[in-house]
Amino acid sequence: MVKRIFWLMAAMLLLLTAGYAEENTQVKHYLLLGEDGYAEEVTEDARTDTIVVVSLDSKYNRVIMTSILRDSRIDNPRGNPTKANLLYKYHGFDGIVSCLERDLGIEIEGAVLVNFENIKPVIDALGGVDIEITENEYLTIKSILKGKDPNMPEGPGMVHMTGRIALAYMRDRWSGNGDFSRTERQRRVVSQLFEKCRSLSLMELVDVYNAVSPGMKMNLSAMDILGAISSGYRLVSKDADFVQFCVPQEGTWSYTSVGSSSSALAVNWERNSEKFHELLNNPQ
């Protein structure tokens, strides 16, 4: 009953705001964290192997998806170097949000933690995705799933992926250029899901949310969620562009370590922040 009332409030907010023009300077940033676990619920001490800043840009009518590589070296809230994927584990939502706000020069409205396993029903609910894969990607998917999935692709090339196949594809850390290629695969899947959402009604989008919400943890209030839904739905309904970005950018990092043995990427955060704001301030 509470959930029904909540979504009635969301629908009313959308109706009330539909006739108002967007402020040209409005860009809302949200943090999406992914725990690459096989349980159905998130855990309190999760390593967030997927870190994505989702920017809802009403000025240029686009959604910007910025991946932060998990091995990026970053100072924690105490000023000590660590890996980006350990910030949530040891410092929670407040810690990772404050560090990314500091180093990217933005304000983050709120954060959501999702367990990867809960992405599968969303992909299936939207009819799956069609992606071209390489020989190495095919072999890795086969290895992850132990070749037992009835929908297993027959080989490389353009393949249709169910949620389980797509999740194995997104988990691939061995094909291509390590985590750079893995985050690119994740953005490729999400971009297709974004395109599929264009044709959905508000209530159908609510159904997608309901499919993934049991495996979510967030620091957003009810009004924050309503605002995000309102902004996102207006962008989708206006055929917003989907733009991809990655931190670190080419030429802004080098190999290093954290502690005595853990390999990491030494990121020039100042240069990456400049490049990110260049994107925010110019249409693509």
C-alpha atoms as a PDB file:
ATOM      1  CA  MET A   1       0.000   0.000   0.000  1.00  0.00           C
ATOM      2  CA  VAL A   2       2.842   2.395   0.897  1.00  0.00           C
ATOM      3  CA  LYS A   3       4.562   1.679  -2.430  1.00  0.00           C
ATOM      4  CA  ARG A   4       1.332   2.380  -4.311  1.00  0.00           C
ATOM      5  CA  ILE A   5       0.928   5.745  -2.550  1.00  0.00           C
ATOM      6  CA  PHE A   6       4.569   6.597  -3.272  1.00  0.00           C
ATOM      7  CA  TRP A   7       4.179   6.034  -6.999  1.00  0.00           C
ATOM      8  CA  LEU A   8       0.910   7.968  -7.084  1.00  0.00           C
ATOM      9  CA  MET A   9       2.863  10.871  -5.566  1.00  0.00           C
ATOM     10  CA  ALA A  10       5.535  10.420  -8.251  1.00  0.00           C
ATOM     11  CA  ALA A  11       2.943  10.529 -11.022  1.00  0.00           C
ATOM     12  CA  MET A  12       1.383  13.669  -9.541  1.00  0.00           C
ATOM     13  CA  LEU A  13       4.793  15.371  -9.332  1.00  0.00           C
ATOM     14  CA  LEU A  14       5.477  14.584 -12.981  1.00  0.00           C
ATOM     15  CA  LEU A  15       2.136  16.023 -14.034  1.00  0.00           C
ATOM     16  CA  LEU A  16       2.751  19.179 -11.998  1.00  0.00           C
ATOM     17  CA  THR A  17       6.247  19.742 -13.404  1.00  0.00           C
ATOM     18  CA  ALA A  18       5.615  18.719 -17.021  1.00  0.00           C
ATOM     19  CA  GLY A  19       4.642  22.220 -18.104  1.00  0.00           C
ATOM     20  CA  TYR A  20       7.644  24.019 -16.606  1.00  0.00           C
ATOM     21  CA  ALA A  21      10.782  24.806 -18.599  1.00  0.00           C
ATOM     22  CA  GLU A  22      14.066  23.313 -17.424  1.00  0.00           C
ATOM     23  CA  GLU A  23      16.698  25.698 -16.052  1.00  0.00           C
ATOM     24  CA  ASN A  24      19.486  25.874 -18.615  1.00  0.00           C
ATOM     25  CA  THR A  25      22.154  25.462 -15.940  1.00  0.00           C
ATOM     26  CA  GLN A  26      20.609  22.409 -14.325  1.00  0.00           C
ATOM     27  CA  VAL A  27      22.744  19.288 -14.185  1.00  0.00           C
ATOM     28  CA  LYS A  28      21.939  16.731 -11.499  1.00  0.00           C
ATOM     29  CA  HIS A  29      24.591  14.162 -10.587  1.00  0.00           C
ATOM     30  CA  TYR A  30      23.803  10.799  -8.977  1.00  0.00           C
ATOM     31  CA  LEU A  31      26.222   8.061  -7.940  1.00  0.00           C
ATOM     32  CA  LEU A  32      25.497   4.474  -8.982  1.00  0.00           C
ATOM     33  CA  LEU A  33      27.559   1.780  -7.236  1.00  0.00           C
ATOM     34  CA  GLY A  34      27.598  -1.884  -8.261  1.00  0.00           C
ATOM     35  CA  GLU A  35      28.575  -4.743  -5.988  1.00  0.00           C
ATOM     36  CA  ASP A  36      29.799  -7.650  -8.098  1.00  0.00           C
ATOM     37  CA  GLY A  37      28.451 -10.371  -5.828  1.00  0.00           C
ATOM     38  CA  TYR A  38      26.353 -13.459  -6.378  1.00  0.00           C
ATOM     39  CA  ALA A  39      23.975 -12.918  -3.460  1.00  0.00           C
ATOM     40  CA  GLU A  40      20.550 -11.413  -4.078  1.00  0.00           C
ATOM     41  CA  GLU A  41      21.017  -8.546  -1.629  1.00  0.00           C
ATOM     42  CA  VAL A  42      23.745  -5.964  -1.066  1.00  0.00           C
ATOM     43  CA  THR A  43      26.164  -6.429   1.817  1.00  0.00           C
ATOM     44  CA  GLU A  44      27.318  -3.793   4.305  1.00  0.00           C
ATOM     45  CA  ASP A  45      31.031  -4.175   3.505  1.00  0.00           C
ATOM     46  CA  ALA A  46      30.734  -4.274  -0.279  1.00  0.00           C
ATOM     47  CA  ARG A  47      33.624  -3.572  -2.618  1.00  0.00           C
ATOM     48  CA  THR A  48      32.048  -1.432  -5.305  1.00  0.00           C
ATOM     49  CA  ASP A  49      33.706  -2.720  -8.462  1.00  0.00           C
ATOM     50  CA  THR A  50      31.352  -0.562 -10.524  1.00  0.00           C
ATOM     51  CA  ILE A  51      31.362   3.178  -9.806  1.00  0.00           C
ATOM     52  CA  VAL A  52      29.329   5.385 -12.141  1.00  0.00           C
ATOM     53  CA  VAL A  53      28.358   9.043 -11.946  1.00  0.00           C
ATOM     54  CA  VAL A  54      25.048   9.507 -13.775  1.00  0.00           C
ATOM     55  CA  SER A  55      24.525  13.132 -14.825  1.00  0.00           C
ATOM     56  CA  LEU A  56      21.035  14.258 -15.856  1.00  0.00           C
ATOM     57  CA  ASP A  57      21.757  17.250 -18.088  1.00  0.00           C
ATOM     58  CA  SER A  58      18.666  19.275 -18.969  1.00  0.00           C
ATOM     59  CA  LYS A  59      20.715  22.041 -20.626  1.00  0.00           C
ATOM     60  CA  TYR A  60      21.875  19.869 -23.516  1.00  0.00           C
ATOM     61  CA  ASN A  61      19.167  17.191 -23.165  1.00  0.00           C
ATOM     62  CA  ARG A  62      21.417  14.234 -22.388  1.00  0.00           C
ATOM     63  CA  VAL A  63      22.308  11.616 -19.814  1.00  0.00           C
ATOM     64  CA  ILE A  64      26.049  11.327 -19.157  1.00  0.00           C
ATOM     65  CA  MET A  65      27.361   8.067 -17.733  1.00  0.00           C
ATOM     66  CA  THR A  66      30.862   8.422 -16.251  1.00  0.00           C
ATOM     67  CA  SER A  67      32.670   5.250 -15.164  1.00  0.00           C
ATOM     68  CA  ILE A  68      35.319   5.515 -12.439  1.00  0.00           C
ATOM     69  CA  LEU A  69      37.756   2.621 -12.752  1.00  0.00           C
ATOM     70  CA  ARG A  70      37.797   0.574  -9.568  1.00  0.00           C
ATOM     71  CA  ASP A  71      41.609   0.551  -9.232  1.00  0.00           C
ATOM     72  CA  SER A  72      41.899   4.343  -9.458  1.00  0.00           C
ATOM     73  CA  ARG A  73      44.024   5.662  -6.596  1.00  0.00           C
ATOM     74  CA  ILE A  74      42.210   8.313  -4.616  1.00  0.00           C
ATOM     75  CA  ASP A  75      42.640   9.908  -1.201  1.00  0.00           C
ATOM     76  CA  ASN A  76      40.098   8.710   1.354  1.00  0.00           C
ATOM     77  CA  PRO A  77      38.291  11.169   3.685  1.00  0.00           C
ATOM     78  CA  ARG A  78      41.314  11.102   6.019  1.00  0.00           C
ATOM     79  CA  GLY A  79      43.681  12.036   3.180  1.00  0.00           C
ATOM     80  CA  ASN A  80      45.281   8.609   2.868  1.00  0.00           C
ATOM     81  CA  PRO A  81      45.632   6.926  -0.573  1.00  0.00           C
ATOM     82  CA  THR A  82      43.335   4.002  -1.312  1.00  0.00           C
ATOM     83  CA  LYS A  83      41.529   2.401  -4.248  1.00  0.00           C
ATOM     84  CA  ALA A  84      38.216   3.821  -5.426  1.00  0.00           C
ATOM     85  CA  ASN A  85      36.429   0.489  -4.947  1.00  0.00           C
ATOM     86  CA  LEU A  86      37.317   0.488  -1.219  1.00  0.00           C
ATOM     87  CA  LEU A  87      35.827   3.895  -0.396  1.00  0.00           C
ATOM     88  CA  TYR A  88      32.290   2.611   0.211  1.00  0.00           C
ATOM     89  CA  LYS A  89      33.521  -0.484   2.080  1.00  0.00           C
ATOM     90  CA  TYR A  90      35.354   1.556   4.714  1.00  0.00           C
ATOM     91  CA  HIS A  91      33.672   4.964   4.590  1.00  0.00           C
ATOM     92  CA  GLY A  92      30.103   4.324   3.405  1.00  0.00           C
ATOM     93  CA  PHE A  93      27.994   6.541   1.171  1.00  0.00           C
ATOM     94  CA  ASP A  94      29.169   9.770   2.811  1.00  0.00           C
ATOM     95  CA  GLY A  95      32.836   8.880   2.325  1.00  0.00           C
ATOM     96  CA  ILE A  96      32.734   7.950  -1.355  1.00  0.00           C
ATOM     97  CA  VAL A  97      30.383  10.829  -2.217  1.00  0.00           C
ATOM     98  CA  SER A  98      32.577  13.426  -0.505  1.00  0.00           C
ATOM     99  CA  CYS A  99      35.760  12.136  -2.181  1.00  0.00           C
ATOM    100  CA  LEU A 100      34.269  12.148  -5.684  1.00  0.00           C
ATOM    101  CA  GLU A 101      32.687  15.563  -5.144  1.00  0.00           C
ATOM    102  CA  ARG A 102      36.088  16.870  -4.088  1.00  0.00           C
ATOM    103  CA  ASP A 103      38.083  15.387  -6.978  1.00  0.00           C
ATOM    104  CA  LEU A 104      35.522  15.906  -9.765  1.00  0.00           C
ATOM    105  CA  GLY A 105      34.363  19.333  -8.601  1.00  0.00           C
ATOM    106  CA  ILE A 106      30.650  18.478  -8.571  1.00  0.00           C
ATOM    107  CA  GLU A 107      27.773  18.102  -6.126  1.00  0.00           C
ATOM    108  CA  ILE A 108      26.231  14.628  -5.967  1.00  0.00           C
ATOM    109  CA  GLU A 109      22.520  14.509  -5.119  1.00  0.00           C
ATOM    110  CA  GLY A 110      22.601  10.984  -3.744  1.00  0.00           C
ATOM    111  CA  ALA A 111      23.948   7.465  -4.165  1.00  0.00           C
ATOM    112  CA  VAL A 112      22.513   4.024  -4.898  1.00  0.00           C
ATOM    113  CA  LEU A 113      24.201   0.660  -4.328  1.00  0.00           C
ATOM    114  CA  VAL A 114      22.970  -2.220  -6.500  1.00  0.00           C
ATOM    115  CA  ASN A 115      23.861  -5.888  -6.404  1.00  0.00           C
ATOM    116  CA  PHE A 116      24.786  -7.124  -9.887  1.00  0.00           C
ATOM    117  CA  GLU A 117      22.503 -10.130  -9.556  1.00  0.00           C
ATOM    118  CA  ASN A 118      19.488  -7.823  -9.484  1.00  0.00           C
ATOM    119  CA  ILE A 119      20.370  -6.411 -12.886  1.00  0.00           C
ATOM    120  CA  LYS A 120      19.400  -9.676 -14.594  1.00  0.00           C
ATOM    121  CA  PRO A 121      15.605  -9.336 -14.169  1.00  0.00           C
ATOM    122  CA  VAL A 122      15.755  -5.747 -15.457  1.00  0.00           C
ATOM    123  CA  ILE A 123      17.525  -6.846 -18.641  1.00  0.00           C
ATOM    124  CA  ASP A 124      15.056  -9.700 -19.099  1.00  0.00           C
ATOM    125  CA  ALA A 125      12.080  -7.410 -18.442  1.00  0.00           C
ATOM    126  CA  LEU A 126      13.315  -5.124 -21.228  1.00  0.00           C
ATOM    127  CA  GLY A 127      13.705  -7.995 -23.683  1.00  0.00           C
ATOM    128  CA  GLY A 128      17.465  -8.535 -23.474  1.00  0.00           C
ATOM    129  CA  VAL A 129      20.232  -6.813 -25.423  1.00  0.00           C
ATOM    130  CA  ASP A 130      21.952  -7.411 -28.762  1.00  0.00           C
ATOM    131  CA  ILE A 131      25.729  -6.959 -28.690  1.00  0.00           C
ATOM    132  CA  GLU A 132      28.608  -7.979 -30.938  1.00  0.00           C
ATOM    133  CA  ILE A 133      31.237  -9.972 -29.027  1.00  0.00           C
ATOM    134  CA  THR A 134      34.786 -11.089 -29.814  1.00  0.00           C
ATOM    135  CA  GLU A 135      36.200 -14.613 -29.639  1.00  0.00           C
ATOM    136  CA  ASN A 136      37.819 -13.873 -26.266  1.00  0.00           C
ATOM    137  CA  GLU A 137      34.595 -12.403 -24.887  1.00  0.00           C
ATOM    138  CA  TYR A 138      32.673 -15.467 -26.054  1.00  0.00           C
ATOM    139  CA  LEU A 139      35.160 -17.809 -24.372  1.00  0.00           C
ATOM    140  CA  THR A 140      35.067 -15.783 -21.150  1.00  0.00           C
ATOM    141  CA  ILE A 141      31.260 -15.799 -21.029  1.00  0.00           C
ATOM    142  CA  LYS A 142      31.326 -19.537 -21.605  1.00  0.00           C
ATOM    143  CA  SER A 143      33.854 -19.970 -18.804  1.00  0.00           C
ATOM    144  CA  ILE A 144      31.897 -17.819 -16.320  1.00  0.00           C
ATOM    145  CA  LEU A 145      28.676 -19.715 -17.022  1.00  0.00           C
ATOM    146  CA  LYS A 146      30.504 -23.057 -17.359  1.00  0.00           C
ATOM    147  CA  GLY A 147      28.839 -23.495 -20.746  1.00  0.00           C
ATOM    148  CA  LYS A 148      25.585 -24.632 -19.145  1.00  0.00           C
ATOM    149  CA  ASP A 149      23.222 -21.790 -19.964  1.00  0.00           C
ATOM    150  CA  PRO A 150      20.532 -22.794 -22.510  1.00  0.00           C
ATOM    151  CA  ASN A 151      20.860 -19.346 -24.114  1.00  0.00           C
ATOM    152  CA  MET A 152      24.643 -19.565 -24.443  1.00  0.00           C
ATOM    153  CA  PRO A 153      25.842 -17.905 -27.688  1.00  0.00           C
ATOM    154  CA  GLU A 154      27.141 -20.311 -30.320  1.00  0.00           C
ATOM    155  CA  GLY A 155      30.238 -18.191 -30.938  1.00  0.00           C
ATOM    156  CA  PRO A 156      31.529 -14.652 -31.507  1.00  0.00           C
ATOM    157  CA  GLY A 157      29.615 -12.061 -33.529  1.00  0.00           C
ATOM    158  CA  MET A 158      26.270 -10.363 -32.946  1.00  0.00           C
ATOM    159  CA  VAL A 159      24.423 -12.225 -30.186  1.00  0.00           C
ATOM    160  CA  HIS A 160      21.191 -11.771 -28.258  1.00  0.00           C
ATOM    161  CA  MET A 161      21.792 -11.751 -24.513  1.00  0.00           C
ATOM    162  CA  THR A 162      19.405 -12.613 -21.725  1.00  0.00           C
ATOM    163  CA  GLY A 163      20.043 -11.058 -18.326  1.00  0.00           C
ATOM    164  CA  ARG A 164      22.302 -13.913 -17.233  1.00  0.00           C
ATOM    165  CA  ILE A 165      24.383 -13.806 -20.409  1.00  0.00           C
ATOM    166  CA  ALA A 166      24.653  -9.996 -20.296  1.00  0.00           C
ATOM    167  CA  LEU A 167      25.756 -10.095 -16.662  1.00  0.00           C
ATOM    168  CA  ALA A 168      28.553 -12.553 -17.506  1.00  0.00           C
ATOM    169  CA  TYR A 169      29.555 -10.240 -20.361  1.00  0.00           C
ATOM    170  CA  MET A 170      29.694  -7.250 -17.997  1.00  0.00           C
ATOM    171  CA  ARG A 171      31.740  -9.247 -15.464  1.00  0.00           C
ATOM    172  CA  ASP A 172      34.456 -10.056 -18.012  1.00  0.00           C
ATOM    173  CA  ARG A 173      37.735  -8.613 -16.688  1.00  0.00           C
ATOM    174  CA  TRP A 174      40.063 -10.612 -18.888  1.00  0.00           C
ATOM    175  CA  SER A 175      39.214  -9.734 -22.498  1.00  0.00           C
ATOM    176  CA  GLY A 176      40.727  -6.588 -23.971  1.00  0.00           C
ATOM    177  CA  ASN A 177      42.303  -3.886 -21.822  1.00  0.00           C
ATOM    178  CA  GLY A 178      41.407  -4.995 -18.311  1.00  0.00           C
ATOM    179  CA  ASP A 179      39.026  -2.781 -16.365  1.00  0.00           C
ATOM    180  CA  PHE A 180      38.920  -0.166 -19.155  1.00  0.00           C
ATOM    181  CA  SER A 181      37.255  -2.763 -21.405  1.00  0.00           C
ATOM    182  CA  ARG A 182      35.049  -4.097 -18.594  1.00  0.00           C
ATOM    183  CA  THR A 183      33.565  -0.660 -17.854  1.00  0.00           C
ATOM    184  CA  GLU A 184      33.101  -0.110 -21.595  1.00  0.00           C
ATOM    185  CA  ARG A 185      31.063  -3.347 -21.745  1.00  0.00           C
ATOM    186  CA  GLN A 186      28.945  -2.176 -18.846  1.00  0.00           C
ATOM    187  CA  ARG A 187      28.248   1.159 -20.525  1.00  0.00           C
ATOM    188  CA  ARG A 188      27.397  -0.654 -23.768  1.00  0.00           C
ATOM    189  CA  VAL A 189      24.739  -2.744 -22.026  1.00  0.00           C
ATOM    190  CA  VAL A 190      23.347   0.221 -20.080  1.00  0.00           C
ATOM    191  CA  SER A 191      23.140   2.355 -23.224  1.00  0.00           C
ATOM    192  CA  GLN A 192      20.969  -0.310 -24.870  1.00  0.00           C
ATOM    193  CA  LEU A 193      18.750  -0.466 -21.787  1.00  0.00           C
ATOM    194  CA  PHE A 194      18.475   3.323 -21.888  1.00  0.00           C
ATOM    195  CA  GLU A 195      17.328   3.185 -25.523  1.00  0.00           C
ATOM    196  CA  LYS A 196      14.716   0.546 -24.639  1.00  0.00           C
ATOM    197  CA  CYS A 197      13.363   2.745 -21.838  1.00  0.00           C
ATOM    198  CA  ARG A 198      12.489   5.524 -24.306  1.00  0.00           C
ATOM    199  CA  SER A 199       9.348   3.684 -25.389  1.00  0.00           C
ATOM    200  CA  LEU A 200       8.130   2.877 -21.868  1.00  0.00           C
ATOM    201  CA  SER A 201       5.371   4.652 -20.003  1.00  0.00           C
ATOM    202  CA  LEU A 202       5.910   5.990 -16.499  1.00  0.00           C
ATOM    203  CA  MET A 203       4.206   2.982 -14.921  1.00  0.00           C
ATOM    204  CA  GLU A 204       6.318   0.585 -17.010  1.00  0.00           C
ATOM    205  CA  LEU A 205       9.427   2.388 -15.744  1.00  0.00           C
ATOM    206  CA  VAL A 206       8.054   1.923 -12.228  1.00  0.00           C
ATOM    207  CA  ASP A 207       7.839  -1.818 -12.897  1.00  0.00           C
ATOM    208  CA  VAL A 208      11.507  -1.826 -13.927  1.00  0.00           C
ATOM    209  CA  TYR A 209      12.396  -0.028 -10.698  1.00  0.00           C
ATOM    210  CA  ASN A 210      10.383  -2.524  -8.665  1.00  0.00           C
ATOM    211  CA  ALA A 211      12.308  -5.386 -10.274  1.00  0.00           C
ATOM    212  CA  VAL A 212      15.654  -4.076  -9.054  1.00  0.00           C
ATOM    213  CA  SER A 213      14.701  -2.296  -5.799  1.00  0.00           C
ATOM    214  CA  PRO A 214      14.934  -5.380  -3.512  1.00  0.00           C
ATOM    215  CA  GLY A 215      18.681  -5.476  -4.221  1.00  0.00           C
ATOM    216  CA  MET A 216      19.267  -1.753  -3.674  1.00  0.00           C
ATOM    217  CA  LYS A 217      20.549   0.399  -0.845  1.00  0.00           C
ATOM    218  CA  MET A 218      20.501   4.205  -1.097  1.00  0.00           C
ATOM    219  CA  ASN A 219      20.970   7.445   0.824  1.00  0.00           C
ATOM    220  CA  LEU A 220      18.181   9.256  -1.021  1.00  0.00           C
ATOM    221  CA  SER A 221      15.043  10.516   0.704  1.00  0.00           C
ATOM    222  CA  ALA A 222      11.570   9.966  -0.759  1.00  0.00           C
ATOM    223  CA  MET A 223      11.607  13.512  -2.178  1.00  0.00           C
ATOM    224  CA  ASP A 224      15.089  12.956  -3.641  1.00  0.00           C
ATOM    225  CA  ILE A 225      13.785   9.863  -5.439  1.00  0.00           C
ATOM    226  CA  LEU A 226      10.770  11.776  -6.724  1.00  0.00           C
ATOM    227  CA  GLY A 227      13.049  14.493  -8.073  1.00  0.00           C
ATOM    228  CA  ALA A 228      15.320  11.989  -9.805  1.00  0.00           C
ATOM    229  CA  ILE A 229      12.345  10.181 -11.358  1.00  0.00           C
ATOM    230  CA  SER A 230      10.879  13.468 -12.545  1.00  0.00           C
ATOM    231  CA  SER A 231      14.160  14.668 -14.118  1.00  0.00           C
ATOM    232  CA  GLY A 232      14.981  11.309 -15.665  1.00  0.00           C
ATOM    233  CA  TYR A 233      11.527  10.760 -17.117  1.00  0.00           C
ATOM    234  CA  ARG A 234      11.444  14.206 -18.718  1.00  0.00           C
ATOM    235  CA  LEU A 235      14.828  13.584 -20.358  1.00  0.00           C
ATOM    236  CA  VAL A 236      13.790  10.152 -21.644  1.00  0.00           C
ATOM    237  CA  SER A 237      10.535  11.550 -23.014  1.00  0.00           C
ATOM    238  CA  LYS A 238      12.502  14.285 -24.846  1.00  0.00           C
ATOM    239  CA  ASP A 239      14.737  11.753 -26.651  1.00  0.00           C
ATOM    240  CA  ALA A 240      17.804  12.701 -24.627  1.00  0.00           C
ATOM    241  CA  ASP A 241      21.217  11.662 -25.924  1.00  0.00           C
ATOM    242  CA  PHE A 242      23.239   9.061 -24.044  1.00  0.00           C
ATOM    243  CA  VAL A 243      26.880  10.116 -23.567  1.00  0.00           C
ATOM    244  CA  GLN A 244      29.704   7.962 -22.193  1.00  0.00           C
ATOM    245  CA  PHE A 245      32.778   9.138 -20.295  1.00  0.00           C
ATOM    246  CA  CYS A 246      35.502   7.373 -18.312  1.00  0.00           C
ATOM    247  CA  VAL A 247      37.889   8.312 -15.508  1.00  0.00           C
ATOM    248  CA  PRO A 248      40.805   8.204 -15.937  1.00  0.00           C
ATOM    249  CA  GLN A 249      40.993   9.611 -19.455  1.00  0.00           C
ATOM    250  CA  GLU A 250      43.769   8.558 -21.826  1.00  0.00           C
ATOM    251  CA  GLY A 251      47.091  10.173 -20.958  1.00  0.00           C
ATOM    252  CA  THR A 252      46.020  11.133 -17.417  1.00  0.00           C
ATOM    253  CA  TRP A 253      47.170   8.087 -15.465  1.00  0.00           C
ATOM    254  CA  SER A 254      50.074   5.709 -14.852  1.00  0.00           C
ATOM    255  CA  TYR A 255      50.572   2.420 -13.015  1.00  0.00           C
ATOM    256  CA  THR A 256      51.361   2.609  -9.309  1.00  0.00           C
ATOM    257  CA  SER A 257      50.521   0.759  -6.109  1.00  0.00           C
ATOM    258  CA  VAL A 258      48.641   1.322  -2.868  1.00  0.00           C
ATOM    259  CA  GLY A 259      50.413  -0.077   0.162  1.00  0.00           C
ATOM    260  CA  SER A 260      53.168  -2.600  -0.388  1.00  0.00           C
ATOM    261  CA  SER A 261      51.668  -4.829  -3.066  1.00  0.00           C
ATOM    262  CA  SER A 262      48.246  -3.727  -4.381  1.00  0.00           C
ATOM    263  CA  SER A 263      48.502  -2.425  -7.957  1.00  0.00           C
ATOM    264  CA  ALA A 264      46.546   0.725  -8.795  1.00  0.00           C
ATOM    265  CA  LEU A 265      46.195   3.568 -11.284  1.00  0.00           C
ATOM    266  CA  ALA A 266      47.790   6.883 -10.346  1.00  0.00           C
ATOM    267  CA  VAL A 267      45.084   9.257 -11.599  1.00  0.00           C
ATOM    268  CA  ASN A 268      45.636  12.931 -12.318  1.00  0.00           C
ATOM    269  CA  TRP A 269      42.314  13.961 -10.798  1.00  0.00           C
ATOM    270  CA  GLU A 270      42.770  17.652 -11.601  1.00  0.00           C
ATOM    271  CA  ARG A 271      43.159  16.934 -15.323  1.00  0.00           C
ATOM    272  CA  ASN A 272      40.245  14.475 -15.320  1.00  0.00           C
ATOM    273  CA  SER A 273      38.051  17.011 -13.552  1.00  0.00           C
ATOM    274  CA  GLU A 274      38.943  19.575 -16.232  1.00  0.00           C
ATOM    275  CA  LYS A 275      38.045  17.140 -19.016  1.00  0.00           C
ATOM    276  CA  PHE A 276      34.793  16.206 -17.288  1.00  0.00           C
ATOM    277  CA  HIS A 277      33.764  19.849 -16.949  1.00  0.00           C
ATOM    278  CA  GLU A 278      34.702  20.464 -20.581  1.00  0.00           C
ATOM    279  CA  LEU A 279      32.151  17.789 -21.431  1.00  0.00           C
ATOM    280  CA  LEU A 280      29.535  19.246 -19.086  1.00  0.00           C
ATOM    281  CA  ASN A 281      29.913  22.712 -20.585  1.00  0.00           C
ATOM    282  CA  ASN A 282      29.763  21.692 -24.255  1.00  0.00           C
ATOM    283  CA  PRO A 283      27.199  19.706 -26.270  1.00  0.00           C
ATOM    284  CA  GLN A 284      28.459  16.479 -27.860  1.00  0.00           C
END
